């Protein structure tokens, strides 16, 4: 994937390079462990070395790129410990977030409309025949649901922290591969979260979110163990 930047507009070239590379890392187009030489990135993005270097520094600060002395940059690797740490942290934050979203939806008609529409989309997913297209559509919907919960979270620090974790969560979704059996279970988990949220049952919504994260972690571990790759440190 190569992209030239004819004009930065409101974004600088470093912003655009950062956005492109971050998206490619999230989608798995730049796999864990991929070397990121400046010359190769200049050719890939169409930007000069200065914005490329700035983008790499920002990606390193976000934990998506490793800057290795005398070796250059590479897409950060994934270890079992890093996966476990991420989900432990998410399990502290996201049940609290959906609790706040549930409370917000109780008094916000527009927010209820958004989650009601998503609940209908999850229900339609159940009726679709299993396929890669269905799995992709589900994960796009699940991502929108997560962002809706983040947006409805009233605590600014909680909202920002969860949002900063999203690129790491997206990477793991791709690394674990699309498992049709997991889709079936995850749809049911999201319906449960939606139902609790729309019913104003904050405790049930938080419990449903916690159980969803536990099951997601178990699936990722199973799938990573079946298909180790160069960018994965399965002993970590």
Protein backbone atom coordinates (compact mmCIF):
# COMPACT_ATOMS: atom_id res chain seq x y z
CA UNK A 1 0.00 0.00 0.00
CA UNK A 2 1.56 3.23 -1.13
CA UNK A 3 0.12 6.69 -0.64
CA UNK A 4 1.38 10.08 -1.73
CA UNK A 5 0.40 13.23 0.14
CA UNK A 6 -0.41 16.05 -2.30
CA UNK A 7 -1.25 18.49 0.46
CA UNK A 8 -1.41 18.25 4.21
CA UNK A 9 -4.30 20.66 4.75
CA UNK A 10 -5.13 20.75 8.44
CA UNK A 11 -2.82 17.77 9.05
CA UNK A 12 0.94 17.90 8.77
CA UNK A 13 2.79 15.32 6.68
CA UNK A 14 3.94 13.70 9.92
CA UNK A 15 0.27 13.40 10.95
CA UNK A 16 -0.61 11.74 7.66
CA UNK A 17 2.33 9.32 7.78
CA UNK A 18 1.47 8.49 11.38
CA UNK A 19 -2.18 7.85 10.47
CA UNK A 20 -1.29 5.66 7.49
CA UNK A 21 1.24 3.53 9.35
CA UNK A 22 -0.97 3.21 12.42
CA UNK A 23 -3.85 1.98 10.26
CA UNK A 24 -1.61 -0.52 8.47
CA UNK A 25 -0.33 -1.85 11.80
CA UNK A 26 -3.87 -2.16 13.16
CA UNK A 27 -5.04 -4.01 10.04
CA UNK A 28 -2.08 -6.36 10.12
CA UNK A 29 -0.72 -5.09 6.78
CA UNK A 30 2.45 -4.29 8.71
CA UNK A 31 2.86 -7.42 10.82
CA UNK A 32 4.63 -7.58 14.21
CA UNK A 33 8.38 -7.60 13.75
CA UNK A 34 8.27 -5.94 10.30
CA UNK A 35 11.41 -3.78 9.79
CA UNK A 36 10.61 -0.12 9.11
CA UNK A 37 13.60 1.43 7.38
CA UNK A 38 13.36 5.14 6.70
CA UNK A 39 14.10 4.70 2.98
CA UNK A 40 11.40 2.07 2.61
CA UNK A 41 8.87 4.25 4.44
CA UNK A 42 9.76 7.28 2.33
CA UNK A 43 8.99 5.23 -0.76
CA UNK A 44 5.87 3.69 0.80
CA UNK A 45 4.31 6.94 2.00
CA UNK A 46 5.67 9.50 -0.45
CA UNK A 47 6.81 11.68 2.43
CA UNK A 48 10.32 12.89 3.21
CA UNK A 49 12.54 11.56 6.00
CA UNK A 50 11.65 14.23 8.56
CA UNK A 51 7.89 13.44 8.80
CA UNK A 52 8.69 9.73 8.64
CA UNK A 53 11.01 10.05 11.64
CA UNK A 54 8.42 12.07 13.57
CA UNK A 55 5.71 9.50 12.80
CA UNK A 56 7.97 6.68 14.00
CA UNK A 57 8.68 8.52 17.24
CA UNK A 58 4.96 8.93 17.85
CA UNK A 59 4.22 5.30 17.05
CA UNK A 60 7.00 4.26 19.42
CA UNK A 61 5.46 6.41 22.18
CA UNK A 62 2.16 4.59 21.57
CA UNK A 63 3.84 1.19 21.86
CA UNK A 64 3.20 0.19 18.25
CA UNK A 65 6.80 0.52 17.04
CA UNK A 66 10.11 -0.44 18.66
CA UNK A 67 13.12 1.83 18.03
CA UNK A 68 16.08 -0.54 18.35
CA UNK A 69 19.55 1.03 18.78
CA UNK A 70 21.80 0.39 15.74
CA UNK A 71 19.01 -1.63 14.10
CA UNK A 72 16.34 0.94 13.34
CA UNK A 73 12.59 0.71 13.76
CA UNK A 74 10.27 -2.28 13.54
CA UNK A 75 6.64 -2.98 14.28
CA UNK A 76 6.49 -4.00 17.92
CA UNK A 77 6.23 -7.71 18.61
CA UNK A 78 3.42 -9.31 20.60
CA UNK A 79 4.01 -11.57 23.60
CA UNK A 80 1.55 -13.59 25.61
CA UNK A 81 2.42 -11.41 28.60
CA UNK A 82 1.62 -8.22 26.67
CA UNK A 83 -1.73 -9.70 25.61
CA UNK A 84 -2.49 -10.71 29.18
CA UNK A 85 -1.50 -7.28 30.49
CA UNK A 86 -3.69 -5.52 27.92
CA UNK A 87 -6.76 -7.55 28.80
CA UNK A 88 -6.14 -7.21 32.54
CA UNK A 89 -6.11 -3.44 32.07
CA UNK A 90 -9.17 -3.46 29.80
CA UNK A 91 -11.02 -5.54 32.39
CA UNK A 92 -10.44 -2.78 34.94
CA UNK A 93 -11.58 0.00 32.62
CA UNK A 94 -14.26 -1.19 30.23
CA UNK A 95 -16.82 -2.54 32.72
CA UNK A 96 -16.68 0.87 34.41
CA UNK A 97 -17.12 2.56 31.04
CA UNK A 98 -20.20 0.57 30.03
CA UNK A 99 -21.64 1.21 33.49
CA UNK A 100 -21.34 4.94 32.83
CA UNK A 101 -22.73 4.53 29.31
CA UNK A 102 -25.74 2.68 30.74
CA UNK A 103 -26.40 5.50 33.17
CA UNK A 104 -26.02 8.08 30.41
CA UNK A 105 -28.39 6.24 28.06
CA UNK A 106 -31.10 6.27 30.72
CA UNK A 107 -31.48 10.04 30.31
CA UNK A 108 -30.27 10.60 26.74
CA UNK A 109 -32.80 9.71 24.03
CA UNK A 110 -30.28 10.07 21.20
CA UNK A 111 -27.84 7.73 22.92
CA UNK A 112 -30.60 5.18 23.40
CA UNK A 113 -31.42 5.46 19.70
CA UNK A 114 -27.78 4.75 18.79
CA UNK A 115 -27.56 1.65 20.99
CA UNK A 116 -31.01 0.44 19.95
CA UNK A 117 -29.94 0.59 16.30
CA UNK A 118 -26.76 -1.32 17.10
CA UNK A 119 -28.76 -3.93 18.99
CA UNK A 120 -30.85 -4.45 15.84
CA UNK A 121 -27.69 -4.81 13.75
CA UNK A 122 -26.30 -7.44 16.11
CA UNK A 123 -29.60 -9.32 15.91
CA UNK A 124 -29.47 -9.27 12.09
CA UNK A 125 -25.92 -10.65 12.24
CA UNK A 126 -27.24 -13.74 14.04
CA UNK A 127 -29.49 -14.49 11.07
CA UNK A 128 -26.72 -14.26 8.48
CA UNK A 129 -25.01 -17.40 7.21
CA UNK A 130 -21.43 -17.79 8.51
CA UNK A 131 -18.86 -16.32 6.11
CA UNK A 132 -15.78 -14.12 6.11
CA UNK A 133 -17.94 -11.19 5.01
CA UNK A 134 -20.24 -11.75 7.96
CA UNK A 135 -17.27 -11.95 10.35
CA UNK A 136 -15.80 -8.71 8.98
CA UNK A 137 -19.17 -6.97 9.25
CA UNK A 138 -19.55 -8.15 12.83
CA UNK A 139 -16.12 -6.92 13.89
CA UNK A 140 -16.77 -3.52 12.28
CA UNK A 141 -20.05 -3.32 14.20
CA UNK A 142 -18.37 -4.43 17.43
CA UNK A 143 -15.76 -1.71 16.92
CA UNK A 144 -18.51 0.90 16.49
CA UNK A 145 -20.18 -0.39 19.65
CA UNK A 146 -16.94 -0.03 21.59
CA UNK A 147 -16.46 3.53 20.36
CA UNK A 148 -20.08 4.36 21.23
CA UNK A 149 -19.45 3.15 24.78
CA UNK A 150 -16.26 5.21 24.93
CA UNK A 151 -18.13 8.28 23.69
CA UNK A 152 -20.85 7.83 26.31
CA UNK A 153 -18.31 7.56 29.15
CA UNK A 154 -18.53 10.74 31.20
CA UNK A 155 -15.12 10.42 32.89
CA UNK A 156 -12.64 12.15 30.59
CA UNK A 157 -9.58 10.24 31.84
CA UNK A 158 -11.32 6.88 31.57
CA UNK A 159 -12.53 7.75 28.08
CA UNK A 160 -9.08 8.85 26.90
CA UNK A 161 -7.28 5.84 28.38
CA UNK A 162 -9.59 3.30 26.73
CA UNK A 163 -9.33 5.12 23.41
CA UNK A 164 -5.53 4.98 23.59
CA UNK A 165 -5.71 1.19 23.95
CA UNK A 166 -7.82 0.71 20.81
CA UNK A 167 -4.91 0.28 18.33
CA UNK A 168 -3.48 -2.53 20.46
CA UNK A 169 -6.90 -4.18 20.68
CA UNK A 170 -7.34 -3.92 16.90
CA UNK A 171 -3.94 -5.54 16.29
CA UNK A 172 -4.84 -8.54 18.41
CA UNK A 173 -8.12 -8.98 16.59
CA UNK A 174 -6.21 -9.44 13.34
CA UNK A 175 -3.42 -11.52 14.86
CA UNK A 176 -5.88 -13.98 16.37
CA UNK A 177 -7.52 -14.55 12.98
CA UNK A 178 -11.24 -14.54 12.33
CA UNK A 179 -12.81 -17.53 14.09
CA UNK A 180 -16.42 -18.13 12.92
CA UNK A 181 -17.19 -20.05 16.11
CA UNK A 182 -16.05 -17.10 18.22
CA UNK A 183 -18.26 -14.77 16.16
CA UNK A 184 -21.35 -16.75 17.17
CA UNK A 185 -20.54 -16.44 20.87
CA UNK A 186 -19.41 -12.82 20.64
CA UNK A 187 -22.63 -11.75 18.92
CA UNK A 188 -24.57 -13.21 21.85
CA UNK A 189 -22.26 -11.39 24.28
CA UNK A 190 -22.87 -8.08 22.53
CA UNK A 191 -26.63 -8.63 22.51
CA UNK A 192 -26.44 -9.23 26.25
CA UNK A 193 -24.46 -6.00 26.74
CA UNK A 194 -26.92 -4.03 24.59
CA UNK A 195 -29.95 -5.45 26.40
CA UNK A 196 -28.52 -4.64 29.82
CA UNK A 197 -27.53 -1.14 28.73
CA UNK A 198 -30.93 -0.38 27.21
CA UNK A 199 -32.70 -1.80 30.28
CA UNK A 200 -30.69 0.53 32.53
CA UNK A 201 -29.07 -2.41 34.33
CA UNK A 202 -25.59 -1.03 34.92
CA UNK A 203 -24.37 -3.95 37.05
CA UNK A 204 -25.45 -6.51 34.46
CA UNK A 205 -23.86 -4.48 31.64
CA UNK A 206 -20.56 -4.34 33.55
CA UNK A 207 -20.68 -8.09 34.26
CA UNK A 208 -21.46 -8.86 30.62
CA UNK A 209 -18.52 -6.72 29.48
CA UNK A 210 -16.14 -8.42 31.93
CA UNK A 211 -17.20 -11.89 30.76
CA UNK A 212 -16.88 -10.84 27.11
CA UNK A 213 -13.28 -9.74 27.71
CA UNK A 214 -12.47 -12.99 29.52
CA UNK A 215 -13.79 -15.07 26.63
CA UNK A 216 -12.02 -12.88 24.04
CA UNK A 217 -8.69 -13.36 25.81
CA UNK A 218 -9.16 -17.13 25.94
CA UNK A 219 -9.90 -17.23 22.19
CA UNK A 220 -6.86 -15.10 21.32
CA UNK A 221 -4.59 -17.36 23.36
CA UNK A 222 -5.97 -20.47 21.66
CA UNK A 223 -5.56 -19.05 18.18
CA UNK A 224 -2.09 -17.61 18.74
CA UNK A 225 -0.92 -20.95 20.13
CA UNK A 226 -2.16 -22.72 16.99
CA UNK A 227 -0.51 -20.31 14.56
CA UNK A 228 2.76 -18.83 15.89
CA UNK A 229 4.36 -16.21 13.66
CA UNK A 230 7.69 -14.42 13.49
CA UNK A 231 6.30 -11.34 15.21
CA UNK A 232 4.92 -13.28 18.16
CA UNK A 233 6.88 -14.09 21.28
CA UNK A 234 4.75 -16.93 22.59
CA UNK A 235 7.08 -17.53 25.51
CA UNK A 236 6.82 -13.97 26.76
